[in-house]
Amino acid sequence: MSMKIKAAILVCSAAVLVFMVVGGLDGVRASSNEGAYRQLQVYSEVLSRVRSEYVEEPNIPAVTDGALHGLLESLDPNSSYLSPGEYKDYKSHKTEARGDIGAAVSKRFGYAAVVSVIPGGPADKAGLQATDILEAIEGKSSRELSLAEIRNMISGQPGSNLTVEVVRSRRAEPQKMVITRDIVNIPPVTDKVMEDGIGYIQVDAFTKGKSQEIAGKIKALQKSGAKKLILDLRNCALGEEAEGIATANLFLNHGTITYLQGQKYPREAFNADPSKDITSLPVAVLVNKGTAGPAEVVAAAVLENARGDVVGDKTFGDGSVQKTIEMPDGSALILSIAKYYTPSGKAIQDTAITPNILVADVDEDGALPDEDQETAPPDNTKKAAPQQDEQLQKAIQVLKSHAS
C-alpha cells in the first residue's frame, strides 16, 4: 500500500477517533470507546477495499475530505468541517465589512432551511419566506455545503446579488430567486394596547439592546393601563442568547431561566435576578416554527416556571455554543461544545419548545417567482395577511380567562 494511501487512512482514522470522543457527549464512556475502535478497523478496511476494488482509481484526498465533512455534519446542524481552502475563505470573509440578506438560515433534512425572515430586509423584499428550502446557493447544492459555508455565502458586500433556488411547500420544482444583499436593520420592538387592556409587544430579533427596549415597552404599556401582556416571538430567530435571558428575567423574580452544559463544559446556570423583574402582569408568549434561539429561551423560561402560557406552534429548535478548533494542516472544526437547556432539563436544540396551548401555523404557501423570472416584482411578493390571526386570537382568549 502506497504512502499516500496510508496517510489517507491515517487521516480518516483520526476522523473516526474524533467521532469517538464526540460520542461521549451522550454520556457513554468505556463501551462506546470499544465500539469506536472496532469501527476504526472497519473504516480502515472499507477504505482499503475502495482503493483496491472500486471501478476506477479513487481520489483518496477527496474521499477523505468528504468523510470529514459528513462526520461533523452528522453530529448536529451547527458543527462543520472546513478544509484548508474553505477555512481560509471563511476567515477572510468574516473580517470583511459586508451586508446580508436578513434571514435566519439553518439546515434541515440536509438542505439549507429558512427559519425566519427579517421584515423589510432583502430576503423579505425578494419574497423569501420562513420554511422555504434553499436547494442551491450560487449554483451549489446546499446539501453539499456545511452550515458555516452557507452562512458565509449568503453574506457579502452590500449591493451584491445572491442567487438561490427555492423549494416551497406543495411546489417541488425549485424556482430561481435573486436577492440583493444590504445592511440589515432590525425593526424596533413595537407595542400597542389591545382590547380589554391587553398590551401587545412584538419582537423580530434579539440583537444587542433588545431586552432593554422590551423593558421600556413593558413599562410604557403598564403606565398606559395594560393589565395583561402578549409577547409575540413568532418568526424571531436571530440574536444573542444573553438578550433572551435578560428578557425572560423581566417576567421572573425567581427560578432558573436556562443553563448551558456540555461534555467538557461545566453546567452554567442562569437564574432570575429578583431586582430585574419589572412586571407581574399575566403574560402569554406567541411562538411558531420560525421561533428559534434566544426567543426559545424566553418561551421555555416563562412556560416551565409557570409564569405564563405559551401559545402557537412548536418552535424550530436551536441553541448551542460552538468552538473553532484549528487543525495542523490549516483545516478547522466548528464543533458544538455545549447546549442550552430548559429549566426542566430538555435540550432546546433537540426537543424545541412545545406550547402548552397548541395552535398550528397558518400555511403560508405564497407564490414563488415564475420560472422565467429571477425575482418577482416587490409588489407581487408580499404575503397576503390571513383574514384572522388565530394564534393571536387564542392568546387574547387565554388572557381574558385570567382574572385581572
Foldseek 3Di string as FASTA:
>chain_A
DDPVLVVLLVLLLVLLVVLLVQVCQVVDPDVSVVVSVVVSVVSSVVSVCCCPPPPDHDPSVVVSVQSNQVSQCVVDQQKGWFDLVRVVLLVVLVPDDWFAQAFDWTDDPLFIFTLFGAPPGQCLLLQDGHGKTFQDKPRHGRSSPGPSVVRSRRIGHQQDKIWTFIAFPPRGGTAIAITGTHHDDHDAWDWDQDPPQEIEIEGQEQAPPNLVSVLVSVVVSVVVPRQAYEYEQELYAYYDLVSLLLNLLLQDQWAWLKWKDTPPRPIDTRIRHNVSHNDLGEYEYEYAQSHHESSLSNQLSCVVVVSYFYFEAFYNFDFFDWDWAADPNNMIITHTGIFMARRVGHGRNVRTDGTPHYDYDDRQRADADPRVDNGDRSVRSNGDDDPDDVRVVVRVVVSVPDDD
